[in-house]
Amino acid sequence: MDQHKFLSPRAYRFVLLAFLLLFAPAWLVAAEHPYEYFIDFCAIGERAPGTAGHLQARSFIVDHLKEPEVDSFSVRGTNYYNIYKRFPGEDPRIGFAAHWDSDVGCPGANDGGSGVALLLALADTLERNPPLHAVDLLFFDGEDVNGAELYGSSHFAANCVDNYSYIIVLDMVGDKDLQIYQEGNSAKFFPAFVDSIWEIGRAIAPEVFVPAVKYYITDDHISLITYGIRSIVIIDFDYPYWDTVDDTADKCSRQSLDTMYRFVLNLIYQRRRYGYAP
């Protein structure tokens, strides 16, 4: 009997999950749907560094992850906290990032909260279905300070010793009228990679992923690019409520978060099929 003709238990789980990605509802592969995480996280309200809400949000993320790493640092007397959850697997590793702080006086539902919800739901799935490749979930702090100081991602990038294939930043990806154009800086530095990611997105939701550049945006991917890490941002910048008091949970939808969740799961679990990673 040739044992190589049969799948190992881990490979069998991997194939099963790939099947679920195509045919089953998202709640089958996560303990909690991204939208449930989103609603609970948004209930905290403003998460500007130095506020009580900021500390509450940090505890919320840490409490919903298994053995995360908290990387604390200080800038001009204010404490910041990057939170990392790492899943082992084959190299090179990949990363998905979102910022969890908000601007002063802003609830930061879509602007920050949507990305956090996706990463928390993704952590559930990765715990239950270990990936073949190493995956890091990166919760950056201090992105929204003074417009876009990018404190957390800059701190991470300056101290990064890992060799990433790529890190994808997810920001403002939950609004009801979701339409995601390619971001200009991402396409400028990594045009082929951006095109390959959008091909995957269009296979899942062609009405959402638009293969054309519309905006050049300063976001956490800029910090990573500056330090030589291949990184792009996925963002719907046609969202009039960002950095205002009106960026609340009712402007977002379960359907949009479900679409983005399926998209990210496909990037992880069907990575070899797509063949875009070195």
Protein backbone atom coordinates (compact mmCIF):
# COMPACT_ATOMS: atom_id res chain seq x y z
CA MET A 1 0.00 0.00 0.00
CA ASP A 2 1.34 3.42 -1.00
CA GLN A 3 0.70 5.72 1.96
CA HIS A 4 1.41 8.78 -0.18
CA LYS A 5 -1.86 8.25 -1.98
CA PHE A 6 -3.79 9.16 1.15
CA LEU A 7 -4.23 12.52 2.86
CA SER A 8 -2.82 13.15 6.29
CA PRO A 9 -5.37 14.24 8.93
CA ARG A 10 -4.13 17.82 8.68
CA ALA A 11 -4.31 17.84 4.88
CA TYR A 12 -7.79 16.31 5.04
CA ARG A 13 -8.98 19.16 7.31
CA PHE A 14 -7.41 21.64 4.91
CA VAL A 15 -9.27 20.19 1.91
CA LEU A 16 -12.52 20.09 3.87
CA LEU A 17 -12.20 23.73 4.84
CA ALA A 18 -11.48 24.70 1.22
CA PHE A 19 -14.76 22.99 0.30
CA LEU A 20 -16.59 24.91 3.02
CA LEU A 21 -15.20 28.19 1.72
CA LEU A 22 -16.98 27.58 -1.56
CA PHE A 23 -20.27 26.09 -0.41
CA ALA A 24 -20.98 26.67 3.29
CA PRO A 25 -22.08 29.73 5.26
CA ALA A 26 -19.29 31.58 7.02
CA TRP A 27 -20.47 30.73 10.52
CA LEU A 28 -19.43 27.11 9.98
CA VAL A 29 -15.74 28.03 10.09
CA ALA A 30 -15.72 30.57 12.93
CA ALA A 31 -16.90 30.50 16.51
CA GLU A 32 -18.47 33.90 16.01
CA HIS A 33 -19.37 35.72 12.80
CA PRO A 34 -17.32 38.87 12.08
CA TYR A 35 -20.49 40.94 12.39
CA GLU A 36 -21.05 39.81 16.00
CA TYR A 37 -17.48 40.77 16.88
CA PHE A 38 -18.05 44.05 15.05
CA ILE A 39 -21.18 44.98 17.01
CA ASP A 40 -19.58 44.11 20.36
CA PHE A 41 -16.37 45.99 19.58
CA CYS A 42 -18.23 49.07 18.33
CA ALA A 43 -20.19 49.21 21.58
CA ILE A 44 -16.99 50.45 23.22
CA GLY A 45 -17.20 53.72 21.30
CA GLU A 46 -14.25 56.06 20.98
CA ARG A 47 -10.86 54.34 21.24
CA ALA A 48 -8.47 57.27 21.02
CA PRO A 49 -5.14 56.55 22.77
CA GLY A 50 -5.09 57.77 26.35
CA THR A 51 -8.83 57.29 26.90
CA ALA A 52 -10.72 54.72 28.94
CA GLY A 53 -12.20 53.37 25.72
CA HIS A 54 -8.71 52.73 24.38
CA LEU A 55 -7.86 50.51 27.35
CA GLN A 56 -11.23 48.77 27.13
CA ALA A 57 -10.67 48.04 23.44
CA ARG A 58 -7.23 46.62 24.16
CA SER A 59 -8.71 44.27 26.74
CA PHE A 60 -11.48 43.25 24.35
CA ILE A 61 -9.00 42.15 21.68
CA VAL A 62 -6.63 40.43 24.10
CA ASP A 63 -9.47 38.58 25.83
CA HIS A 64 -10.73 37.19 22.50
CA LEU A 65 -7.36 35.81 21.41
CA LYS A 66 -5.52 32.76 22.70
CA GLU A 67 -2.08 33.70 24.06
CA PRO A 68 -1.54 36.91 22.07
CA GLU A 69 1.61 39.00 22.24
CA VAL A 70 1.15 42.57 23.50
CA ASP A 71 3.91 44.93 22.34
CA SER A 72 3.66 48.14 24.37
CA PHE A 73 5.52 51.34 23.62
CA SER A 74 5.25 55.04 24.40
CA VAL A 75 5.23 58.14 22.23
CA ARG A 76 5.32 61.61 23.86
CA GLY A 77 4.00 60.23 27.14
CA THR A 78 1.09 58.25 25.64
CA ASN A 79 1.06 54.47 25.84
CA TYR A 80 0.31 52.39 22.76
CA TYR A 81 -0.26 48.66 22.37
CA ASN A 82 0.27 46.55 19.28
CA ILE A 83 -1.30 43.10 19.63
CA TYR A 84 -0.02 40.13 17.62
CA LYS A 85 -1.43 36.65 17.21
CA ARG A 86 0.90 34.26 15.41
CA PHE A 87 -0.03 30.90 13.88
CA PRO A 88 2.81 28.51 13.00
CA GLY A 89 3.25 26.90 9.61
CA GLU A 90 5.48 26.77 6.59
CA ASP A 91 7.55 29.81 5.59
CA PRO A 92 7.38 32.39 4.23
CA ARG A 93 4.76 33.74 6.58
CA ILE A 94 1.97 36.10 5.61
CA GLY A 95 0.25 38.77 7.68
CA PHE A 96 -3.11 40.51 7.92
CA ALA A 97 -3.28 43.81 9.78
CA ALA A 98 -5.87 46.28 11.03
CA HIS A 99 -5.66 49.29 13.32
CA TRP A 100 -7.82 49.23 16.42
CA ASP A 101 -7.63 52.82 17.68
CA SER A 102 -9.96 55.62 16.62
CA ASP A 103 -9.61 59.36 16.15
CA VAL A 104 -10.57 61.69 18.99
CA GLY A 105 -14.34 61.97 19.34
CA CYS A 106 -15.01 59.29 16.71
CA PRO A 107 -16.67 55.92 17.28
CA GLY A 108 -14.47 54.40 14.56
CA ALA A 109 -16.92 51.66 13.53
CA ASN A 110 -15.88 51.08 9.93
CA ASP A 111 -12.60 52.97 10.34
CA GLY A 112 -10.83 50.39 12.44
CA GLY A 113 -13.66 48.32 13.86
CA SER A 114 -14.41 46.43 10.65
CA GLY A 115 -10.82 45.24 10.30
CA VAL A 116 -10.62 44.22 13.95
CA ALA A 117 -13.80 42.13 13.60
CA LEU A 118 -12.40 40.32 10.58
CA LEU A 119 -9.14 39.48 12.34
CA LEU A 120 -10.90 38.20 15.45
CA ALA A 121 -13.16 35.92 13.41
CA LEU A 122 -10.15 34.82 11.41
CA ALA A 123 -8.35 33.90 14.64
CA ASP A 124 -11.26 31.59 15.51
CA THR A 125 -10.94 29.80 12.19
CA LEU A 126 -7.16 29.49 12.33
CA GLU A 127 -7.35 28.02 15.83
CA ARG A 128 -9.75 25.32 14.63
CA ASN A 129 -8.16 24.80 11.22
CA PRO A 130 -4.39 25.37 11.42
CA PRO A 131 -3.04 26.87 8.19
CA LEU A 132 -0.36 25.19 6.11
CA HIS A 133 1.58 28.45 5.93
CA ALA A 134 2.52 30.65 8.88
CA VAL A 135 0.01 33.46 9.42
CA ASP A 136 0.27 36.52 11.67
CA LEU A 137 -2.68 38.68 12.70
CA LEU A 138 -1.47 42.18 13.53
CA PHE A 139 -3.60 44.67 15.47
CA PHE A 140 -1.86 48.05 15.14
CA ASP A 141 -2.40 50.93 17.54
CA GLY A 142 -1.95 54.65 16.89
CA GLU A 143 -2.90 54.78 13.22
CA ASP A 144 -5.48 57.52 13.60
CA VAL A 145 -3.45 59.87 15.82
CA ASN A 146 -3.32 63.39 14.30
CA GLY A 147 -4.79 62.21 11.02
CA ALA A 148 -2.40 59.35 10.30
CA GLU A 149 0.74 59.17 12.40
CA LEU A 150 0.92 55.39 11.90
CA TYR A 151 2.64 54.90 15.25
CA GLY A 152 1.84 51.21 15.67
CA SER A 153 2.80 50.03 12.20
CA SER A 154 5.97 52.16 12.26
CA HIS A 155 6.97 50.63 15.59
CA PHE A 156 6.28 47.14 14.27
CA ALA A 157 8.16 47.65 11.01
CA ALA A 158 11.22 49.19 12.68
CA ASN A 159 11.56 46.15 14.93
CA CYS A 160 10.45 43.46 12.47
CA VAL A 161 12.81 40.49 12.12
CA ASP A 162 10.45 38.15 10.24
CA ASN A 163 10.63 37.48 6.52
CA TYR A 164 7.08 38.08 5.29
CA SER A 165 5.85 37.14 1.87
CA TYR A 166 3.39 39.98 2.32
CA ILE A 167 1.20 41.83 4.81
CA ILE A 168 -2.27 42.98 3.77
CA VAL A 169 -3.79 45.89 5.69
CA LEU A 170 -7.59 45.85 6.03
CA ASP A 171 -9.26 49.19 6.74
CA MET A 172 -12.82 50.46 6.21
CA VAL A 173 -14.08 47.23 4.66
CA GLY A 174 -17.52 46.92 6.25
CA ASP A 175 -19.73 49.68 4.86
CA LYS A 176 -23.06 48.80 3.31
CA ASP A 177 -22.17 50.06 -0.16
CA LEU A 178 -18.87 48.19 -0.37
CA GLN A 179 -16.75 48.94 -3.43
CA ILE A 180 -13.00 48.50 -3.22
CA TYR A 181 -10.68 50.09 -5.75
CA GLN A 182 -6.97 49.41 -5.95
CA GLU A 183 -5.01 51.84 -3.79
CA GLY A 184 -2.45 53.93 -5.68
CA ASN A 185 0.63 53.44 -3.52
CA SER A 186 0.00 49.69 -3.33
CA ALA A 187 -0.32 49.45 -7.11
CA LYS A 188 2.73 51.66 -7.66
CA PHE A 189 5.09 49.47 -5.64
CA PHE A 190 3.54 46.04 -6.22
CA PRO A 191 1.43 46.16 -9.41
CA ALA A 192 1.47 42.45 -10.25
CA PHE A 193 0.70 41.47 -6.66
CA VAL A 194 -2.21 43.92 -6.47
CA ASP A 195 -3.64 42.63 -9.74
CA SER A 196 -3.42 39.02 -8.52
CA ILE A 197 -5.19 39.89 -5.26
CA TRP A 198 -7.96 41.69 -7.13
CA GLU A 199 -8.44 38.70 -9.41
CA ILE A 200 -9.12 36.61 -6.32
CA GLY A 201 -11.45 39.26 -4.94
CA ARG A 202 -13.39 39.48 -8.19
CA ALA A 203 -13.81 35.71 -8.25
CA ILE A 204 -15.61 36.03 -4.91
CA ALA A 205 -17.40 39.38 -5.31
CA PRO A 206 -16.99 41.01 -8.76
CA GLU A 207 -19.32 43.84 -7.77
CA VAL A 208 -17.04 44.74 -4.83
CA PHE A 209 -13.48 44.56 -6.20
CA VAL A 210 -12.83 47.14 -8.92
CA PRO A 211 -9.53 46.59 -10.81
CA ALA A 212 -8.61 50.26 -11.15
CA VAL A 213 -6.78 52.84 -9.03
CA LYS A 214 -8.88 55.62 -7.53
CA TYR A 215 -7.04 57.01 -4.47
CA TYR A 216 -3.54 57.32 -3.02
CA ILE A 217 -3.91 56.80 0.72
CA THR A 218 -1.65 57.07 3.75
CA ASP A 219 -2.35 54.01 5.87
CA ASP A 220 -0.37 51.42 7.81
CA HIS A 221 0.95 49.80 4.64
CA ILE A 222 3.12 52.90 4.07
CA SER A 223 5.09 52.20 7.27
CA LEU A 224 5.67 48.62 6.19
CA ILE A 225 6.71 49.55 2.65
CA THR A 226 9.17 52.09 4.05
CA TYR A 227 10.95 49.29 5.91
CA GLY A 228 11.04 46.97 2.91
CA ILE A 229 8.01 44.78 3.68
CA ARG A 230 5.73 43.96 0.75
CA SER A 231 2.42 45.40 1.86
CA ILE A 232 -0.80 46.71 0.34
CA VAL A 233 -3.98 48.19 1.77
CA ILE A 234 -7.50 47.03 0.99
CA ILE A 235 -9.85 49.90 1.74
CA ASP A 236 -13.14 51.40 0.59
CA PHE A 237 -12.29 55.08 0.77
CA ASP A 238 -15.67 56.19 -0.61
CA TYR A 239 -17.00 56.32 2.91
CA PRO A 240 -18.13 59.83 3.93
CA TYR A 241 -18.33 59.09 7.66
CA TRP A 242 -14.65 58.32 8.37
CA ASP A 243 -13.10 60.37 11.18
CA THR A 244 -16.51 61.78 12.15
CA VAL A 245 -19.02 61.14 14.92
CA ASP A 246 -21.24 59.45 12.32
CA ASP A 247 -18.90 56.49 11.75
CA THR A 248 -21.24 54.15 13.62
CA ALA A 249 -22.16 50.48 13.31
CA ASP A 250 -25.41 51.14 11.46
CA LYS A 251 -23.42 52.34 8.42
CA CYS A 252 -21.99 48.84 7.98
CA SER A 253 -23.49 45.48 7.11
CA ARG A 254 -23.20 41.78 7.89
CA GLN A 255 -23.09 41.04 4.15
CA SER A 256 -20.03 43.23 3.56
CA LEU A 257 -18.12 41.69 6.45
CA ASP A 258 -19.11 38.21 5.29
CA THR A 259 -17.77 38.97 1.79
CA MET A 260 -14.46 40.21 3.15
CA TYR A 261 -14.19 37.27 5.54
CA ARG A 262 -14.59 34.79 2.70
CA PHE A 263 -12.05 36.74 0.68
CA VAL A 264 -9.40 36.58 3.41
CA LEU A 265 -10.08 32.90 4.07
CA ASN A 266 -9.48 32.16 0.41
CA LEU A 267 -6.18 34.02 0.49
CA ILE A 268 -5.01 31.79 3.34
CA TYR A 269 -6.43 28.37 2.62
CA GLN A 270 -6.18 28.35 -1.17
CA ARG A 271 -2.79 30.04 -1.32
CA ARG A 272 -1.04 27.30 -3.30
CA ARG A 273 -3.87 27.10 -5.79
CA TYR A 274 -3.59 30.79 -6.61
CA GLY A 275 0.20 30.67 -6.87
CA TYR A 276 0.85 34.37 -6.21
CA ALA A 277 3.20 33.95 -3.26
CA PRO A 278 6.93 33.24 -3.72
